[in-house]
Amino acid sequence: MKSTRKGLRNDDLYKDTYGRLNCAECEKTLATENAPDEVYNVRRCPDCEREFRELP
C-alpha cells in the first residue's frame, strides 16, 4: 500500500479541480476509511480496489 503522496508523484492518482483525489486508472474519486487502530486513513478506489494510505 503506497501513500497518497507517492501515488500523486507516480501518476497513480490525480487531483480534480475541486482538490479531490481520483484514481488515474479508472478516474473515480477515492473513498475514505478511518482505521481506528492506525494513525493513517485508508483511501480506496471503488472500482479497481487499489488502496493508498493518507497520513494526517
PDB file of N, CA and C in Angstrom:
ATOM      1  N   MET A   1       0.848  -1.165   0.000  1.00  0.00           N
ATOM      2  CA  MET A   1       0.000   0.000   0.000  1.00  0.00           C
ATOM      3  C   MET A   1       0.902   1.238   0.000  1.00  0.00           C
ATOM      4  N   LYS A   2       0.747   2.080  -1.003  1.00  0.00           N
ATOM      5  CA  LYS A   2       1.505   3.309  -1.127  1.00  0.00           C
ATOM      6  C   LYS A   2       0.804   4.439  -0.375  1.00  0.00           C
ATOM      7  N   SER A   3       1.549   5.496  -0.130  1.00  0.00           N
ATOM      8  CA  SER A   3       0.925   6.687   0.433  1.00  0.00           C
ATOM      9  C   SER A   3       0.309   7.495  -0.707  1.00  0.00           C
ATOM     10  N   THR A   4      -0.568   8.412  -0.364  1.00  0.00           N
ATOM     11  CA  THR A   4      -1.203   9.233  -1.381  1.00  0.00           C
ATOM     12  C   THR A   4      -0.192  10.164  -2.044  1.00  0.00           C
ATOM     13  N   ARG A   5       0.810  10.604  -1.307  1.00  0.00           N
ATOM     14  CA  ARG A   5       1.838  11.466  -1.897  1.00  0.00           C
ATOM     15  C   ARG A   5       2.649  10.731  -2.961  1.00  0.00           C
ATOM     16  N   LYS A   6       3.008   9.473  -2.677  1.00  0.00           N
ATOM     17  CA  LYS A   6       3.735   8.683  -3.677  1.00  0.00           C
ATOM     18  C   LYS A   6       2.839   8.398  -4.883  1.00  0.00           C
ATOM     19  N   GLY A   7       1.567   8.176  -4.644  1.00  0.00           N
ATOM     20  CA  GLY A   7       0.629   7.948  -5.735  1.00  0.00           C
ATOM     21  C   GLY A   7       0.503   9.161  -6.645  1.00  0.00           C
ATOM     22  N   LEU A   8       0.519  10.352  -6.059  1.00  0.00           N
ATOM     23  CA  LEU A   8       0.465  11.570  -6.861  1.00  0.00           C
ATOM     24  C   LEU A   8       1.751  11.755  -7.661  1.00  0.00           C
ATOM     25  N   ARG A   9       2.903  11.467  -7.043  1.00  0.00           N
ATOM     26  CA  ARG A   9       4.179  11.619  -7.741  1.00  0.00           C
ATOM     27  C   ARG A   9       4.348  10.622  -8.875  1.00  0.00           C
ATOM     28  N   ASN A  10       3.828   9.403  -8.700  1.00  0.00           N
ATOM     29  CA  ASN A  10       3.971   8.347  -9.702  1.00  0.00           C
ATOM     30  C   ASN A  10       2.838   8.353 -10.724  1.00  0.00           C
ATOM     31  N   ASP A  11       1.982   9.341 -10.679  1.00  0.00           N
ATOM     32  CA  ASP A  11       0.829   9.467 -11.582  1.00  0.00           C
ATOM     33  C   ASP A  11      -0.165   8.323 -11.435  1.00  0.00           C
ATOM     34  N   ASP A  12      -0.255   7.716 -10.247  1.00  0.00           N
ATOM     35  CA  ASP A  12      -1.307   6.739  -9.957  1.00  0.00           C
ATOM     36  C   ASP A  12      -2.587   7.451  -9.528  1.00  0.00           C
ATOM     37  N   LEU A  13      -2.432   8.671  -9.000  1.00  0.00           N
ATOM     38  CA  LEU A  13      -3.546   9.492  -8.547  1.00  0.00           C
ATOM     39  C   LEU A  13      -3.429  10.871  -9.170  1.00  0.00           C
ATOM     40  N   TYR A  14      -4.541  11.574  -9.210  1.00  0.00           N
ATOM     41  CA  TYR A  14      -4.513  12.981  -9.604  1.00  0.00           C
ATOM     42  C   TYR A  14      -5.616  13.705  -8.840  1.00  0.00           C
ATOM     43  N   LYS A  15      -5.468  15.015  -8.740  1.00  0.00           N
ATOM     44  CA  LYS A  15      -6.477  15.835  -8.090  1.00  0.00           C
ATOM     45  C   LYS A  15      -7.320  16.519  -9.153  1.00  0.00           C
ATOM     46  N   ASP A  16      -8.635  16.549  -8.917  1.00  0.00           N
ATOM     47  CA  ASP A  16      -9.510  17.239  -9.855  1.00  0.00           C
ATOM     48  C   ASP A  16      -9.556  18.726  -9.517  1.00  0.00           C
ATOM     49  N   THR A  17     -10.414  19.472 -10.178  1.00  0.00           N
ATOM     50  CA  THR A  17     -10.461  20.926  -9.989  1.00  0.00           C
ATOM     51  C   THR A  17     -10.941  21.319  -8.591  1.00  0.00           C
ATOM     52  N   TYR A  18     -11.589  20.411  -7.888  1.00  0.00           N
ATOM     53  CA  TYR A  18     -12.061  20.684  -6.535  1.00  0.00           C
ATOM     54  C   TYR A  18     -11.102  20.161  -5.469  1.00  0.00           C
ATOM     55  N   GLY A  19      -9.974  19.585  -5.861  1.00  0.00           N
ATOM     56  CA  GLY A  19      -8.976  19.101  -4.911  1.00  0.00           C
ATOM     57  C   GLY A  19      -9.209  17.690  -4.410  1.00  0.00           C
ATOM     58  N   ARG A  20     -10.156  16.973  -5.012  1.00  0.00           N
ATOM     59  CA  ARG A  20     -10.416  15.593  -4.596  1.00  0.00           C
ATOM     60  C   ARG A  20      -9.422  14.661  -5.268  1.00  0.00           C
ATOM     61  N   LEU A  21      -9.034  13.598  -4.553  1.00  0.00           N
ATOM     62  CA  LEU A  21      -8.124  12.601  -5.112  1.00  0.00           C
ATOM     63  C   LEU A  21      -8.904  11.621  -5.974  1.00  0.00           C
ATOM     64  N   ASN A  22      -8.393  11.383  -7.178  1.00  0.00           N
ATOM     65  CA  ASN A  22      -9.022  10.449  -8.111  1.00  0.00           C
ATOM     66  C   ASN A  22      -8.004   9.421  -8.565  1.00  0.00           C
ATOM     67  N   CYS A  23      -8.477   8.222  -8.845  1.00  0.00           N
ATOM     68  CA  CYS A  23      -7.641   7.160  -9.392  1.00  0.00           C
ATOM     69  C   CYS A  23      -7.367   7.474 -10.863  1.00  0.00           C
ATOM     70  N   ALA A  24      -6.117   7.386 -11.268  1.00  0.00           N
ATOM     71  CA  ALA A  24      -5.761   7.689 -12.657  1.00  0.00           C
ATOM     72  C   ALA A  24      -6.200   6.571 -13.598  1.00  0.00           C
ATOM     73  N   GLU A  25      -6.321   5.357 -13.086  1.00  0.00           N
ATOM     74  CA  GLU A  25      -6.680   4.214 -13.926  1.00  0.00           C
ATOM     75  C   GLU A  25      -8.151   4.218 -14.304  1.00  0.00           C
ATOM     76  N   CYS A  26      -9.050   4.396 -13.317  1.00  0.00           N
ATOM     77  CA  CYS A  26     -10.482   4.338 -13.617  1.00  0.00           C
ATOM     78  C   CYS A  26     -11.187   5.682 -13.465  1.00  0.00           C
ATOM     79  N   GLU A  27     -10.475   6.720 -13.050  1.00  0.00           N
ATOM     80  CA  GLU A  27     -10.988   8.085 -12.955  1.00  0.00           C
ATOM     81  C   GLU A  27     -12.169   8.216 -11.992  1.00  0.00           C
ATOM     82  N   LYS A  28     -12.133   7.474 -10.900  1.00  0.00           N
ATOM     83  CA  LYS A  28     -13.164   7.559  -9.862  1.00  0.00           C
ATOM     84  C   LYS A  28     -12.568   8.223  -8.621  1.00  0.00           C
ATOM     85  N   THR A  29     -13.411   8.911  -7.856  1.00  0.00           N
ATOM     86  CA  THR A  29     -12.985   9.549  -6.619  1.00  0.00           C
ATOM     87  C   THR A  29     -12.747   8.486  -5.554  1.00  0.00           C
ATOM     88  N   LEU A  30     -11.667   8.644  -4.788  1.00  0.00           N
ATOM     89  CA  LEU A  30     -11.323   7.678  -3.759  1.00  0.00           C
ATOM     90  C   LEU A  30     -12.223   7.841  -2.540  1.00  0.00           C
ATOM     91  N   ALA A  31     -12.603   6.716  -1.947  1.00  0.00           N
ATOM     92  CA  ALA A  31     -13.387   6.710  -0.719  1.00  0.00           C
ATOM     93  C   ALA A  31     -12.438   6.661   0.469  1.00  0.00           C
ATOM     94  N   THR A  32     -12.854   7.225   1.595  1.00  0.00           N
ATOM     95  CA  THR A  32     -12.025   7.281   2.793  1.00  0.00           C
ATOM     96  C   THR A  32     -12.560   6.327   3.839  1.00  0.00           C
ATOM     97  N   GLU A  33     -11.649   5.572   4.445  1.00  0.00           N
ATOM     98  CA  GLU A  33     -11.993   4.701   5.571  1.00  0.00           C
ATOM     99  C   GLU A  33     -11.080   5.043   6.729  1.00  0.00           C
ATOM    100  N   ASN A  34     -11.661   5.280   7.900  1.00  0.00           N
ATOM    101  CA  ASN A  34     -10.873   5.550   9.089  1.00  0.00           C
ATOM    102  C   ASN A  34     -10.570   4.235   9.787  1.00  0.00           C
ATOM    103  N   ALA A  35      -9.289   3.907   9.878  1.00  0.00           N
ATOM    104  CA  ALA A  35      -8.869   2.714  10.604  1.00  0.00           C
ATOM    105  C   ALA A  35      -8.705   3.109  12.074  1.00  0.00           C
ATOM    106  N   PRO A  36      -9.509   2.555  12.988  1.00  0.00           N
ATOM    107  CA  PRO A  36      -9.465   3.009  14.384  1.00  0.00           C
ATOM    108  C   PRO A  36      -8.146   2.684  15.091  1.00  0.00           C
ATOM    109  N   ASP A  37      -7.458   1.635  14.677  1.00  0.00           N
ATOM    110  CA  ASP A  37      -6.222   1.236  15.358  1.00  0.00           C
ATOM    111  C   ASP A  37      -4.984   1.830  14.709  1.00  0.00           C
ATOM    112  N   GLU A  38      -5.134   2.528  13.616  1.00  0.00           N
ATOM    113  CA  GLU A  38      -3.996   3.063  12.868  1.00  0.00           C
ATOM    114  C   GLU A  38      -3.983   4.584  12.919  1.00  0.00           C
ATOM    115  N   VAL A  39      -2.820   5.145  12.646  1.00  0.00           N
ATOM    116  CA  VAL A  39      -2.656   6.594  12.627  1.00  0.00           C
ATOM    117  C   VAL A  39      -3.176   7.179  11.321  1.00  0.00           C
ATOM    118  N   TYR A  40      -3.106   6.423  10.247  1.00  0.00           N
ATOM    119  CA  TYR A  40      -3.450   6.922   8.924  1.00  0.00           C
ATOM    120  C   TYR A  40      -4.856   6.515   8.515  1.00  0.00           C
ATOM    121  N   ASN A  41      -5.384   7.194   7.494  1.00  0.00           N
ATOM    122  CA  ASN A  41      -6.657   6.837   6.862  1.00  0.00           C
ATOM    123  C   ASN A  41      -6.360   6.031   5.610  1.00  0.00           C
ATOM    124  N   VAL A  42      -7.258   5.149   5.256  1.00  0.00           N
ATOM    125  CA  VAL A  42      -7.111   4.355   4.043  1.00  0.00           C
ATOM    126  C   VAL A  42      -8.010   4.952   2.975  1.00  0.00           C
ATOM    127  N   ARG A  43      -7.418   5.268   1.825  1.00  0.00           N
ATOM    128  CA  ARG A  43      -8.169   5.780   0.671  1.00  0.00           C
ATOM    129  C   ARG A  43      -8.238   4.655  -0.343  1.00  0.00           C
ATOM    130  N   ARG A  44      -9.451   4.274  -0.767  1.00  0.00           N
ATOM    131  CA  ARG A  44      -9.652   3.125  -1.647  1.00  0.00           C
ATOM    132  C   ARG A  44     -10.470   3.526  -2.860  1.00  0.00           C
ATOM    133  N   CYS A  45     -10.041   3.021  -4.016  1.00  0.00           N
ATOM    134  CA  CYS A  45     -10.789   3.235  -5.251  1.00  0.00           C
ATOM    135  C   CYS A  45     -11.961   2.243  -5.271  1.00  0.00           C
ATOM    136  N   PRO A  46     -13.177   2.711  -5.541  1.00  0.00           N
ATOM    137  CA  PRO A  46     -14.329   1.800  -5.520  1.00  0.00           C
ATOM    138  C   PRO A  46     -14.348   0.799  -6.674  1.00  0.00           C
ATOM    139  N   ASP A  47     -13.696   1.100  -7.793  1.00  0.00           N
ATOM    140  CA  ASP A  47     -13.734   0.196  -8.943  1.00  0.00           C
ATOM    141  C   ASP A  47     -12.597  -0.816  -8.932  1.00  0.00           C
ATOM    142  N   CYS A  48     -11.359  -0.346  -8.860  1.00  0.00           N
ATOM    143  CA  CYS A  48     -10.219  -1.260  -9.004  1.00  0.00           C
ATOM    144  C   CYS A  48      -9.663  -1.731  -7.655  1.00  0.00           C
ATOM    145  N   GLU A  49     -10.199  -1.233  -6.537  1.00  0.00           N
ATOM    146  CA  GLU A  49      -9.835  -1.667  -5.180  1.00  0.00           C
ATOM    147  C   GLU A  49      -8.373  -1.377  -4.811  1.00  0.00           C
ATOM    148  N   ARG A  50      -7.727  -0.443  -5.507  1.00  0.00           N
ATOM    149  CA  ARG A  50      -6.376  -0.060  -5.102  1.00  0.00           C
ATOM    150  C   ARG A  50      -6.463   0.778  -3.846  1.00  0.00           C
ATOM    151  N   GLU A  51      -5.507   0.576  -2.936  1.00  0.00           N
ATOM    152  CA  GLU A  51      -5.532   1.270  -1.648  1.00  0.00           C
ATOM    153  C   GLU A  51      -4.316   2.172  -1.512  1.00  0.00           C
ATOM    154  N   PHE A  52      -4.535   3.313  -0.879  1.00  0.00           N
ATOM    155  CA  PHE A  52      -3.484   4.260  -0.562  1.00  0.00           C
ATOM    156  C   PHE A  52      -3.691   4.706   0.868  1.00  0.00           C
ATOM    157  N   ARG A  53      -2.608   4.947   1.573  1.00  0.00           N
ATOM    158  CA  ARG A  53      -2.767   5.444   2.941  1.00  0.00           C
ATOM    159  C   ARG A  53      -2.483   6.935   2.953  1.00  0.00           C
ATOM    160  N   GLU A  54      -3.240   7.637   3.770  1.00  0.00           N
ATOM    161  CA  GLU A  54      -3.127   9.085   3.861  1.00  0.00           C
ATOM    162  C   GLU A  54      -2.764   9.448   5.295  1.00  0.00           C
ATOM    163  N   LEU A  55      -1.598  10.036   5.443  1.00  0.00           N
ATOM    164  CA  LEU A  55      -1.143  10.462   6.758  1.00  0.00           C
ATOM    165  C   LEU A  55      -1.729  11.833   7.084  1.00  0.00           C
ATOM    166  N   PRO A  56      -2.084  12.052   8.348  1.00  0.00           N
ATOM    167  CA  PRO A  56      -2.668  13.365   8.704  1.00  0.00           C
ATOM    168  C   PRO A  56      -1.661  14.486   8.677  1.00  0.00           C
TER     169      PRO A  56
END
